Amino acid sequence: MKDDKGLYYYPDPMNKQERMYVRENDGVIEFRLWSSRSPEVWERHGWLDMSIIQRAAEIQKQRGGKAPLAIYDMDSATFLLKNDK
């Protein structure tokens, strides 16, 4: 799907309140979360590539938390970017 912010998919298909935007930057796929319930997330968090996401997930794991890696779907991102060209 696509809107004025760019290409996106729903990380949870049952929740249309959140969108994961994707783009390609110098050959690297990047992700950015938007939430209608927390619009400040878009402003606070910029575009992230998988290496940054995985490092953050490891830190979260070390702190005893659970990292939400499942919302960053490389297959969906690749599909959207490929079909937008």
PDB file of N, CA and C in Angstrom:
ATOM      1  N   MET A   1       0.829  -1.155   0.000  1.00  0.00           N
ATOM      2  CA  MET A   1       0.000   0.000   0.000  1.00  0.00           C
ATOM      3  C   MET A   1       0.888   1.238   0.000  1.00  0.00           C
ATOM      4  N   LYS A   2       0.294   2.349  -0.375  1.00  0.00           N
ATOM      5  CA  LYS A   2       1.074   3.573  -0.497  1.00  0.00           C
ATOM      6  C   LYS A   2       0.193   4.771  -0.182  1.00  0.00           C
ATOM      7  N   ASP A   3       0.772   5.731   0.521  1.00  0.00           N
ATOM      8  CA  ASP A   3       0.084   6.992   0.774  1.00  0.00           C
ATOM      9  C   ASP A   3       1.111   8.121   0.680  1.00  0.00           C
ATOM     10  N   ASP A   4       0.768   9.291   1.201  1.00  0.00           N
ATOM     11  CA  ASP A   4       1.673  10.437   1.090  1.00  0.00           C
ATOM     12  C   ASP A   4       2.988  10.261   1.850  1.00  0.00           C
ATOM     13  N   LYS A   5       3.044   9.366   2.821  1.00  0.00           N
ATOM     14  CA  LYS A   5       4.287   9.100   3.553  1.00  0.00           C
ATOM     15  C   LYS A   5       5.155   8.064   2.840  1.00  0.00           C
ATOM     16  N   GLY A   6       4.548   7.266   1.969  1.00  0.00           N
ATOM     17  CA  GLY A   6       5.301   6.257   1.240  1.00  0.00           C
ATOM     18  C   GLY A   6       4.639   4.896   1.247  1.00  0.00           C
ATOM     19  N   LEU A   7       5.455   3.873   1.001  1.00  0.00           N
ATOM     20  CA  LEU A   7       4.988   2.488   0.970  1.00  0.00           C
ATOM     21  C   LEU A   7       4.877   1.952   2.388  1.00  0.00           C
ATOM     22  N   TYR A   8       3.838   1.156   2.639  1.00  0.00           N
ATOM     23  CA  TYR A   8       3.676   0.605   3.983  1.00  0.00           C
ATOM     24  C   TYR A   8       2.945  -0.728   3.952  1.00  0.00           C
ATOM     25  N   TYR A   9       3.077  -1.440   5.063  1.00  0.00           N
ATOM     26  CA  TYR A   9       2.284  -2.642   5.329  1.00  0.00           C
ATOM     27  C   TYR A   9       1.808  -2.556   6.767  1.00  0.00           C
ATOM     28  N   TYR A  10       0.833  -3.380   7.104  1.00  0.00           N
ATOM     29  CA  TYR A  10       0.340  -3.435   8.479  1.00  0.00           C
ATOM     30  C   TYR A  10       1.109  -4.523   9.231  1.00  0.00           C
ATOM     31  N   PRO A  11       1.883  -4.169  10.259  1.00  0.00           N
ATOM     32  CA  PRO A  11       2.625  -5.186  11.011  1.00  0.00           C
ATOM     33  C   PRO A  11       1.703  -6.230  11.630  1.00  0.00           C
ATOM     34  N   ASP A  12       0.530  -5.798  12.041  1.00  0.00           N
ATOM     35  CA  ASP A  12      -0.520  -6.690  12.540  1.00  0.00           C
ATOM     36  C   ASP A  12      -1.741  -6.437  11.658  1.00  0.00           C
ATOM     37  N   PRO A  13      -2.045  -7.349  10.743  1.00  0.00           N
ATOM     38  CA  PRO A  13      -3.152  -7.127   9.808  1.00  0.00           C
ATOM     39  C   PRO A  13      -4.499  -6.835  10.470  1.00  0.00           C
ATOM     40  N   MET A  14      -4.650  -7.203  11.727  1.00  0.00           N
ATOM     41  CA  MET A  14      -5.904  -6.934  12.436  1.00  0.00           C
ATOM     42  C   MET A  14      -5.931  -5.524  13.037  1.00  0.00           C
ATOM     43  N   ASN A  15      -4.801  -4.851  13.030  1.00  0.00           N
ATOM     44  CA  ASN A  15      -4.695  -3.520  13.630  1.00  0.00           C
ATOM     45  C   ASN A  15      -4.347  -2.501  12.546  1.00  0.00           C
ATOM     46  N   LYS A  16      -5.336  -1.774  12.093  1.00  0.00           N
ATOM     47  CA  LYS A  16      -5.116  -0.769  11.051  1.00  0.00           C
ATOM     48  C   LYS A  16      -4.656   0.566  11.639  1.00  0.00           C
ATOM     49  N   GLN A  17      -4.422   0.604  12.946  1.00  0.00           N
ATOM     50  CA  GLN A  17      -3.969   1.823  13.616  1.00  0.00           C
ATOM     51  C   GLN A  17      -2.456   2.031  13.493  1.00  0.00           C
ATOM     52  N   GLU A  18      -1.736   0.986  13.070  1.00  0.00           N
ATOM     53  CA  GLU A  18      -0.284   1.081  12.937  1.00  0.00           C
ATOM     54  C   GLU A  18       0.147   0.644  11.547  1.00  0.00           C
ATOM     55  N   ARG A  19       1.099   1.377  11.022  1.00  0.00           N
ATOM     56  CA  ARG A  19       1.658   1.063   9.709  1.00  0.00           C
ATOM     57  C   ARG A  19       3.178   1.048   9.812  1.00  0.00           C
ATOM     58  N   MET A  20       3.772   0.138   9.073  1.00  0.00           N
ATOM     59  CA  MET A  20       5.224   0.115   8.974  1.00  0.00           C
ATOM     60  C   MET A  20       5.579   0.590   7.563  1.00  0.00           C
ATOM     61  N   TYR A  21       6.243   1.727   7.507  1.00  0.00           N
ATOM     62  CA  TYR A  21       6.670   2.281   6.228  1.00  0.00           C
ATOM     63  C   TYR A  21       8.027   1.707   5.864  1.00  0.00           C
ATOM     64  N   VAL A  22       8.253   1.564   4.567  1.00  0.00           N
ATOM     65  CA  VAL A  22       9.517   1.017   4.076  1.00  0.00           C
ATOM     66  C   VAL A  22      10.035   1.881   2.935  1.00  0.00           C
ATOM     67  N   ARG A  23      11.340   1.922   2.846  1.00  0.00           N
ATOM     68  CA  ARG A  23      11.983   2.602   1.722  1.00  0.00           C
ATOM     69  C   ARG A  23      13.338   1.958   1.494  1.00  0.00           C
ATOM     70  N   GLU A  24      13.897   2.240   0.330  1.00  0.00           N
ATOM     71  CA  GLU A  24      15.247   1.788   0.027  1.00  0.00           C
ATOM     72  C   GLU A  24      16.138   3.018  -0.004  1.00  0.00           C
ATOM     73  N   ASN A  25      17.232   2.975   0.724  1.00  0.00           N
ATOM     74  CA  ASN A  25      18.159   4.092   0.819  1.00  0.00           C
ATOM     75  C   ASN A  25      19.560   3.568   0.527  1.00  0.00           C
ATOM     76  N   ASP A  26      20.107   3.937  -0.616  1.00  0.00           N
ATOM     77  CA  ASP A  26      21.434   3.452  -1.032  1.00  0.00           C
ATOM     78  C   ASP A  26      21.517   1.931  -1.004  1.00  0.00           C
ATOM     79  N   GLY A  27      20.457   1.268  -1.467  1.00  0.00           N
ATOM     80  CA  GLY A  27      20.434  -0.185  -1.546  1.00  0.00           C
ATOM     81  C   GLY A  27      20.091  -0.900  -0.252  1.00  0.00           C
ATOM     82  N   VAL A  28      19.811  -0.143   0.804  1.00  0.00           N
ATOM     83  CA  VAL A  28      19.483  -0.723   2.110  1.00  0.00           C
ATOM     84  C   VAL A  28      18.011  -0.461   2.415  1.00  0.00           C
ATOM     85  N   ILE A  29      17.292  -1.501   2.810  1.00  0.00           N
ATOM     86  CA  ILE A  29      15.883  -1.347   3.173  1.00  0.00           C
ATOM     87  C   ILE A  29      15.793  -0.783   4.582  1.00  0.00           C
ATOM     88  N   GLU A  30      14.946   0.248   4.720  1.00  0.00           N
ATOM     89  CA  GLU A  30      14.747   0.903   6.013  1.00  0.00           C
ATOM     90  C   GLU A  30      13.271   0.879   6.391  1.00  0.00           C
ATOM     91  N   PHE A  31      13.025   0.920   7.695  1.00  0.00           N
ATOM     92  CA  PHE A  31      11.673   0.837   8.255  1.00  0.00           C
ATOM     93  C   PHE A  31      11.408   2.053   9.141  1.00  0.00           C
ATOM     94  N   ARG A  32      10.120   2.432   9.195  1.00  0.00           N
ATOM     95  CA  ARG A  32       9.712   3.520  10.101  1.00  0.00           C
ATOM     96  C   ARG A  32       8.259   3.293  10.506  1.00  0.00           C
ATOM     97  N   LEU A  33       8.020   3.266  11.797  1.00  0.00           N
ATOM     98  CA  LEU A  33       6.688   2.972  12.331  1.00  0.00           C
ATOM     99  C   LEU A  33       5.850   4.239  12.463  1.00  0.00           C
ATOM    100  N   TRP A  34       4.566   4.127  12.106  1.00  0.00           N
ATOM    101  CA  TRP A  34       3.579   5.183  12.314  1.00  0.00           C
ATOM    102  C   TRP A  34       2.408   4.575  13.072  1.00  0.00           C
ATOM    103  N   SER A  35       1.900   5.309  14.050  1.00  0.00           N
ATOM    104  CA  SER A  35       0.759   4.850  14.839  1.00  0.00           C
ATOM    105  C   SER A  35      -0.219   6.000  15.009  1.00  0.00           C
ATOM    106  N   SER A  36      -1.489   5.758  14.700  1.00  0.00           N
ATOM    107  CA  SER A  36      -2.499   6.805  14.880  1.00  0.00           C
ATOM    108  C   SER A  36      -2.726   7.093  16.363  1.00  0.00           C
ATOM    109  N   ARG A  37      -2.467   6.112  17.215  1.00  0.00           N
ATOM    110  CA  ARG A  37      -2.628   6.308  18.664  1.00  0.00           C
ATOM    111  C   ARG A  37      -1.458   7.052  19.287  1.00  0.00           C
ATOM    112  N   SER A  38      -0.306   6.991  18.642  1.00  0.00           N
ATOM    113  CA  SER A  38       0.904   7.656  19.158  1.00  0.00           C
ATOM    114  C   SER A  38       1.652   8.317  17.998  1.00  0.00           C
ATOM    115  N   PRO A  39       1.106   9.392  17.445  1.00  0.00           N
ATOM    116  CA  PRO A  39       1.749  10.018  16.285  1.00  0.00           C
ATOM    117  C   PRO A  39       3.162  10.532  16.565  1.00  0.00           C
ATOM    118  N   GLU A  40       3.490  10.740  17.834  1.00  0.00           N
ATOM    119  CA  GLU A  40       4.832  11.214  18.176  1.00  0.00           C
ATOM    120  C   GLU A  40       5.907  10.176  17.861  1.00  0.00           C
ATOM    121  N   VAL A  41       5.515   8.914  17.734  1.00  0.00           N
ATOM    122  CA  VAL A  41       6.481   7.861  17.375  1.00  0.00           C
ATOM    123  C   VAL A  41       7.126   8.196  16.034  1.00  0.00           C
ATOM    124  N   TRP A  42       6.341   8.658  15.082  1.00  0.00           N
ATOM    125  CA  TRP A  42       6.854   9.009  13.752  1.00  0.00           C
ATOM    126  C   TRP A  42       7.894  10.125  13.864  1.00  0.00           C
ATOM    127  N   GLU A  43       7.613  11.093  14.706  1.00  0.00           N
ATOM    128  CA  GLU A  43       8.520  12.230  14.854  1.00  0.00           C
ATOM    129  C   GLU A  43       9.791  11.865  15.626  1.00  0.00           C
ATOM    130  N   ARG A  44       9.663  11.035  16.645  1.00  0.00           N
ATOM    131  CA  ARG A  44      10.811  10.690  17.494  1.00  0.00           C
ATOM    132  C   ARG A  44      11.770   9.706  16.848  1.00  0.00           C
ATOM    133  N   HIS A  45      11.234   8.803  16.065  1.00  0.00           N
ATOM    134  CA  HIS A  45      12.045   7.723  15.499  1.00  0.00           C
ATOM    135  C   HIS A  45      12.156   7.878  13.993  1.00  0.00           C
ATOM    136  N   GLY A  46      13.375   7.948  13.528  1.00  0.00           N
ATOM    137  CA  GLY A  46      13.614   8.070  12.097  1.00  0.00           C
ATOM    138  C   GLY A  46      13.607   6.718  11.406  1.00  0.00           C
ATOM    139  N   TRP A  47      14.172   6.695  10.226  1.00  0.00           N
ATOM    140  CA  TRP A  47      14.266   5.473   9.440  1.00  0.00           C
ATOM    141  C   TRP A  47      15.360   4.578  10.015  1.00  0.00           C
ATOM    142  N   LEU A  48      15.058   3.279  10.138  1.00  0.00           N
ATOM    143  CA  LEU A  48      15.986   2.312  10.724  1.00  0.00           C
ATOM    144  C   LEU A  48      16.221   1.157   9.766  1.00  0.00           C
ATOM    145  N   ASP A  49      17.489   0.761   9.616  1.00  0.00           N
ATOM    146  CA  ASP A  49      17.756  -0.438   8.819  1.00  0.00           C
ATOM    147  C   ASP A  49      17.841  -1.648   9.753  1.00  0.00           C
ATOM    148  N   MET A  50      17.879  -2.832   9.172  1.00  0.00           N
ATOM    149  CA  MET A  50      17.822  -4.058   9.977  1.00  0.00           C
ATOM    150  C   MET A  50      19.018  -4.206  10.917  1.00  0.00           C
ATOM    151  N   SER A  51      20.174  -3.697  10.541  1.00  0.00           N
ATOM    152  CA  SER A  51      21.319  -3.828  11.452  1.00  0.00           C
ATOM    153  C   SER A  51      21.078  -3.027  12.732  1.00  0.00           C
ATOM    154  N   ILE A  52      20.506  -1.852  12.614  1.00  0.00           N
ATOM    155  CA  ILE A  52      20.174  -1.049  13.799  1.00  0.00           C
ATOM    156  C   ILE A  52      19.084  -1.734  14.611  1.00  0.00           C
ATOM    157  N   ILE A  53      18.075  -2.238  13.923  1.00  0.00           N
ATOM    158  CA  ILE A  53      16.953  -2.914  14.592  1.00  0.00           C
ATOM    159  C   ILE A  53      17.449  -4.134  15.358  1.00  0.00           C
ATOM    160  N   GLN A  54      18.324  -4.914  14.744  1.00  0.00           N
ATOM    161  CA  GLN A  54      18.843  -6.113  15.406  1.00  0.00           C
ATOM    162  C   GLN A  54      19.729  -5.772  16.602  1.00  0.00           C
ATOM    163  N   ARG A  55      20.507  -4.703  16.497  1.00  0.00           N
ATOM    164  CA  ARG A  55      21.329  -4.279  17.648  1.00  0.00           C
ATOM    165  C   ARG A  55      20.444  -3.826  18.799  1.00  0.00           C
ATOM    166  N   ALA A  56      19.402  -3.067  18.480  1.00  0.00           N
ATOM    167  CA  ALA A  56      18.468  -2.611  19.521  1.00  0.00           C
ATOM    168  C   ALA A  56      17.753  -3.799  20.161  1.00  0.00           C
ATOM    169  N   ALA A  57      17.403  -4.796  19.353  1.00  0.00           N
ATOM    170  CA  ALA A  57      16.739  -5.991  19.877  1.00  0.00           C
ATOM    171  C   ALA A  57      17.653  -6.747  20.833  1.00  0.00           C
ATOM    172  N   GLU A  58      18.921  -6.810  20.507  1.00  0.00           N
ATOM    173  CA  GLU A  58      19.877  -7.492  21.384  1.00  0.00           C
ATOM    174  C   GLU A  58      20.009  -6.758  22.720  1.00  0.00           C
ATOM    175  N   ILE A  59      20.055  -5.442  22.673  1.00  0.00           N
ATOM    176  CA  ILE A  59      20.121  -4.651  23.910  1.00  0.00           C
ATOM    177  C   ILE A  59      18.870  -4.889  24.747  1.00  0.00           C
ATOM    178  N   GLN A  60      17.716  -4.875  24.085  1.00  0.00           N
ATOM    179  CA  GLN A  60      16.447  -5.115  24.788  1.00  0.00           C
ATOM    180  C   GLN A  60      16.446  -6.495  25.441  1.00  0.00           C
ATOM    181  N   LYS A  61      16.951  -7.480  24.720  1.00  0.00           N
ATOM    182  CA  LYS A  61      17.019  -8.848  25.243  1.00  0.00           C
ATOM    183  C   LYS A  61      17.939  -8.919  26.464  1.00  0.00           C
ATOM    184  N   GLN A  62      19.076  -8.243  26.396  1.00  0.00           N
ATOM    185  CA  GLN A  62      20.018  -8.228  27.518  1.00  0.00           C
ATOM    186  C   GLN A  62      19.403  -7.585  28.755  1.00  0.00           C
ATOM    187  N   ARG A  63      18.487  -6.671  28.542  1.00  0.00           N
ATOM    188  CA  ARG A  63      17.809  -5.996  29.656  1.00  0.00           C
ATOM    189  C   ARG A  63      16.605  -6.785  30.161  1.00  0.00           C
ATOM    190  N   GLY A  64      16.387  -7.948  29.575  1.00  0.00           N
ATOM    191  CA  GLY A  64      15.296  -8.808  30.021  1.00  0.00           C
ATOM    192  C   GLY A  64      13.973  -8.568  29.327  1.00  0.00           C
ATOM    193  N   GLY A  65      13.973  -7.725  28.328  1.00  0.00           N
ATOM    194  CA  GLY A  65      12.738  -7.432  27.605  1.00  0.00           C
ATOM    195  C   GLY A  65      12.597  -8.278  26.356  1.00  0.00           C
ATOM    196  N   LYS A  66      11.483  -8.098  25.706  1.00  0.00           N
ATOM    197  CA  LYS A  66      11.223  -8.808  24.460  1.00  0.00           C
ATOM    198  C   LYS A  66      11.233  -7.800  23.315  1.00  0.00           C
ATOM    199  N   ALA A  67      12.081  -8.035  22.353  1.00  0.00           N
ATOM    200  CA  ALA A  67      12.192  -7.127  21.216  1.00  0.00           C
ATOM    201  C   ALA A  67      11.127  -7.465  20.169  1.00  0.00           C
ATOM    202  N   PRO A  68      10.472  -6.461  19.643  1.00  0.00           N
ATOM    203  CA  PRO A  68       9.399  -6.698  18.669  1.00  0.00           C
ATOM    204  C   PRO A  68       9.916  -6.879  17.239  1.00  0.00           C
ATOM    205  N   LEU A  69      10.812  -7.822  17.039  1.00  0.00           N
ATOM    206  CA  LEU A  69      11.392  -8.019  15.711  1.00  0.00           C
ATOM    207  C   LEU A  69      10.368  -8.428  14.659  1.00  0.00           C
ATOM    208  N   ALA A  70       9.304  -9.071  15.065  1.00  0.00           N
ATOM    209  CA  ALA A  70       8.321  -9.585  14.103  1.00  0.00           C
ATOM    210  C   ALA A  70       7.656  -8.480  13.286  1.00  0.00           C
ATOM    211  N   ILE A  71       7.610  -7.266  13.807  1.00  0.00           N
ATOM    212  CA  ILE A  71       6.945  -6.199  13.049  1.00  0.00           C
ATOM    213  C   ILE A  71       7.795  -5.710  11.883  1.00  0.00           C
ATOM    214  N   TYR A  72       9.089  -6.029  11.894  1.00  0.00           N
ATOM    215  CA  TYR A  72       9.985  -5.636  10.812  1.00  0.00           C
ATOM    216  C   TYR A  72      10.092  -6.798   9.828  1.00  0.00           C
ATOM    217  N   ASP A  73       9.248  -6.784   8.828  1.00  0.00           N
ATOM    218  CA  ASP A  73       9.108  -7.905   7.899  1.00  0.00           C
ATOM    219  C   ASP A  73       9.857  -7.608   6.596  1.00  0.00           C
ATOM    220  N   MET A  74      11.043  -8.172   6.479  1.00  0.00           N
ATOM    221  CA  MET A  74      11.872  -7.937   5.303  1.00  0.00           C
ATOM    222  C   MET A  74      11.209  -8.455   4.030  1.00  0.00           C
ATOM    223  N   ASP A  75      10.488  -9.567   4.111  1.00  0.00           N
ATOM    224  CA  ASP A  75       9.804 -10.100   2.929  1.00  0.00           C
ATOM    225  C   ASP A  75       8.735  -9.135   2.431  1.00  0.00           C
ATOM    226  N   SER A  76       7.938  -8.595   3.334  1.00  0.00           N
ATOM    227  CA  SER A  76       6.909  -7.625   2.937  1.00  0.00           C
ATOM    228  C   SER A  76       7.544  -6.372   2.360  1.00  0.00           C
ATOM    229  N   ALA A  77       8.600  -5.901   2.996  1.00  0.00           N
ATOM    230  CA  ALA A  77       9.288  -4.701   2.520  1.00  0.00           C
ATOM    231  C   ALA A  77       9.846  -4.912   1.116  1.00  0.00           C
ATOM    232  N   THR A  78      10.504  -6.038   0.907  1.00  0.00           N
ATOM    233  CA  THR A  78      11.077  -6.345  -0.398  1.00  0.00           C
ATOM    234  C   THR A  78       9.988  -6.428  -1.458  1.00  0.00           C
ATOM    235  N   PHE A  79       8.886  -7.083  -1.138  1.00  0.00           N
ATOM    236  CA  PHE A  79       7.763  -7.210  -2.069  1.00  0.00           C
ATOM    237  C   PHE A  79       7.221  -5.835  -2.458  1.00  0.00           C
ATOM    238  N   LEU A  80       6.975  -4.981  -1.468  1.00  0.00           N
ATOM    239  CA  LEU A  80       6.432  -3.652  -1.746  1.00  0.00           C
ATOM    240  C   LEU A  80       7.378  -2.833  -2.616  1.00  0.00           C
ATOM    241  N   LEU A  81       8.642  -2.844  -2.280  1.00  0.00           N
ATOM    242  CA  LEU A  81       9.614  -2.056  -3.030  1.00  0.00           C
ATOM    243  C   LEU A  81       9.770  -2.568  -4.458  1.00  0.00           C
ATOM    244  N   LYS A  82       9.782  -3.866  -4.616  1.00  0.00           N
ATOM    245  CA  LYS A  82       9.918  -4.463  -5.949  1.00  0.00           C
ATOM    246  C   LYS A  82       8.720  -4.112  -6.827  1.00  0.00           C
ATOM    247  N   ASN A  83       7.527  -4.164  -6.261  1.00  0.00           N
ATOM    248  CA  ASN A  83       6.320  -3.920  -7.045  1.00  0.00           C
ATOM    249  C   ASN A  83       6.000  -2.444  -7.234  1.00  0.00           C
ATOM    250  N   ASP A  84       6.744  -1.569  -6.590  1.00  0.00           N
ATOM    251  CA  ASP A  84       6.530  -0.132  -6.757  1.00  0.00           C
ATOM    252  C   ASP A  84       7.351   0.436  -7.909  1.00  0.00           C
ATOM    253  N   LYS A  85       8.292  -0.335  -8.397  1.00  0.00           N
ATOM    254  CA  LYS A  85       9.187   0.167  -9.461  1.00  0.00           C
ATOM    255  C   LYS A  85       8.544   0.097 -10.816  1.00  0.00           C
TER     256      LYS A  85
END
